[in-house]
Amino acid sequence: MVKSILTITLNPSVDKSTSVQHIVLEKKLRYEKPVYELGGGGINVSRALKRLGLASTALFTSGGKTGNMLANLLKLEDIDIDPIRVNGETREKFIVIDSATNQQYRFGFQVSNFPKIRRLSTNISLRCC
């Protein structure tokens, strides 16, 4: 029997980062093309395992458009996924770097309807045991 690694991420995120020349209050700011990155402990472990040549399955909560984006980004990295669909949106962060000062501004969008632990433990048991 081949053993596989299952990583679990209860609260994943998609981090959208960009930079601007200089942040000025009440001015329209033009930013560089955004970069999308994956976030969450288990997802980071799956990505590191992939770089080491080890296969894993990333089990994570996924909701809304952000959850779909998260799944697609993982597929682009050729990581096996097992999303647990939830109501609401997967967490999203927006990061802006002021190029003039090299200061970083981090914004986290509010998430709702986090799944109940009992439901998650049932899903995990069905998938791995």
Protein backbone atom coordinates (compact mmCIF):
# COMPACT_ATOMS: atom_id res chain seq x y z
CA MET A 1 0.00 0.00 0.00
CA VAL A 2 1.40 3.37 -1.03
CA LYS A 3 1.16 6.01 1.66
CA SER A 4 0.43 9.56 0.67
CA ILE A 5 0.68 12.85 2.49
CA LEU A 6 -2.48 14.81 3.20
CA THR A 7 -2.06 18.46 4.16
CA ILE A 8 -4.97 20.26 5.81
CA THR A 9 -5.65 24.00 5.59
CA LEU A 10 -8.70 25.21 7.48
CA ASN A 11 -8.38 28.89 6.60
CA PRO A 12 -6.52 29.28 3.27
CA SER A 13 -6.08 32.56 1.44
CA VAL A 14 -5.25 34.08 -1.90
CA ASP A 15 -2.81 36.94 -1.48
CA LYS A 16 -2.94 39.64 -4.17
CA SER A 17 0.11 41.91 -4.08
CA THR A 18 1.17 44.91 -6.08
CA SER A 19 3.22 48.10 -5.80
CA VAL A 20 2.70 51.80 -6.44
CA GLN A 21 5.22 54.59 -7.01
CA HIS A 22 4.16 56.48 -3.90
CA ILE A 23 1.06 56.32 -1.72
CA VAL A 24 -0.66 59.71 -1.55
CA LEU A 25 -3.90 60.30 0.33
CA GLU A 26 -7.02 60.95 -1.75
CA LYS A 27 -5.23 60.50 -5.08
CA LYS A 28 -5.91 57.88 -7.72
CA LEU A 29 -2.96 55.50 -7.62
CA ARG A 30 -1.77 53.43 -10.57
CA TYR A 31 -0.39 50.10 -9.51
CA GLU A 32 1.74 47.43 -11.16
CA LYS A 33 0.24 44.20 -12.45
CA PRO A 34 -0.86 42.20 -9.39
CA VAL A 35 0.74 38.91 -8.38
CA TYR A 36 -1.46 36.18 -6.89
CA GLU A 37 0.03 33.85 -4.27
CA LEU A 38 -1.38 31.04 -2.21
CA GLY A 39 -1.51 31.19 1.57
CA GLY A 40 -2.26 28.86 4.45
CA GLY A 41 -0.11 26.46 6.45
CA GLY A 42 -1.05 23.15 4.83
CA ILE A 43 -1.02 24.61 1.33
CA ASN A 44 2.48 25.98 1.94
CA VAL A 45 3.56 22.50 3.08
CA SER A 46 2.12 20.91 -0.10
CA ARG A 47 3.99 23.44 -2.22
CA ALA A 48 7.26 22.76 -0.36
CA LEU A 49 6.78 18.99 -0.71
CA LYS A 50 6.25 19.44 -4.46
CA ARG A 51 9.55 21.32 -4.72
CA LEU A 52 11.23 18.41 -2.90
CA GLY A 53 9.74 15.95 -5.38
CA LEU A 54 7.17 14.51 -2.96
CA ALA A 55 3.48 14.17 -3.79
CA SER A 56 0.71 15.30 -1.47
CA THR A 57 -2.95 16.13 -1.53
CA ALA A 58 -3.98 19.56 -0.28
CA LEU A 59 -7.30 19.40 1.56
CA PHE A 60 -8.68 22.88 2.19
CA THR A 61 -11.88 24.84 2.67
CA SER A 62 -13.00 26.60 -0.50
CA GLY A 63 -15.76 29.11 -1.10
CA GLY A 64 -16.82 31.48 -3.84
CA LYS A 65 -14.70 32.99 -6.59
CA THR A 66 -11.63 33.22 -4.37
CA GLY A 67 -11.92 29.52 -3.55
CA ASN A 68 -12.09 28.69 -7.25
CA MET A 69 -9.03 30.86 -7.89
CA LEU A 70 -7.18 29.06 -5.09
CA ALA A 71 -7.98 25.66 -6.61
CA ASN A 72 -6.88 26.82 -10.08
CA LEU A 73 -3.59 28.23 -8.75
CA LEU A 74 -2.86 24.91 -7.01
CA LYS A 75 -3.65 23.01 -10.21
CA LEU A 76 -1.22 25.26 -12.11
CA GLU A 77 1.46 24.12 -9.64
CA ASP A 78 0.45 20.50 -10.33
CA ILE A 79 -0.65 19.87 -6.75
CA ASP A 80 -3.44 17.36 -6.10
CA ILE A 81 -6.38 19.05 -4.41
CA ASP A 82 -9.37 17.98 -2.36
CA PRO A 83 -11.42 21.12 -1.63
CA ILE A 84 -14.20 21.12 0.94
CA ARG A 85 -16.90 23.47 -0.33
CA VAL A 86 -18.15 26.02 2.19
CA ASN A 87 -20.55 28.95 2.11
CA GLY A 88 -19.03 32.40 1.78
CA GLU A 89 -15.71 33.41 0.27
CA THR A 90 -12.27 32.00 0.87
CA ARG A 91 -10.06 34.52 2.65
CA GLU A 92 -8.34 37.11 0.46
CA LYS A 93 -5.55 39.53 1.32
CA PHE A 94 -4.46 42.62 -0.59
CA ILE A 95 -0.88 43.82 -0.17
CA VAL A 96 0.47 47.12 -1.52
CA ILE A 97 4.12 48.14 -1.43
CA ASP A 98 4.98 51.82 -1.64
CA SER A 99 8.04 51.77 -3.92
CA ALA A 100 9.26 55.16 -2.69
CA THR A 101 9.45 54.12 0.97
CA ASN A 102 9.45 50.31 0.65
CA GLN A 103 6.63 50.24 3.21
CA GLN A 104 4.10 47.45 2.95
CA TYR A 105 0.37 47.88 3.55
CA ARG A 106 -1.65 44.71 4.23
CA PHE A 107 -5.42 44.47 3.98
CA GLY A 108 -7.42 41.39 4.93
CA PHE A 109 -10.99 41.03 3.74
CA GLN A 110 -13.54 39.78 6.26
CA VAL A 111 -14.67 36.19 5.79
CA SER A 112 -17.87 34.59 6.99
CA ASN A 113 -19.52 31.22 7.44
CA PHE A 114 -16.44 29.30 8.55
CA PRO A 115 -17.38 25.61 8.55
CA LYS A 116 -18.02 23.75 11.77
CA ILE A 117 -15.18 21.59 13.05
CA ARG A 118 -17.42 18.49 13.27
CA ARG A 119 -18.23 18.73 9.55
CA LEU A 120 -14.55 19.11 8.73
CA SER A 121 -13.46 16.17 10.87
CA THR A 122 -16.11 14.00 9.15
CA ASN A 123 -14.83 15.08 5.73
CA ILE A 124 -11.22 14.40 6.72
CA SER A 125 -12.11 10.94 8.10
CA LEU A 126 -13.89 10.00 4.89
CA ARG A 127 -10.94 11.10 2.76
CA CYS A 128 -8.01 9.59 4.59
CA CYS A 129 -9.00 6.75 6.88
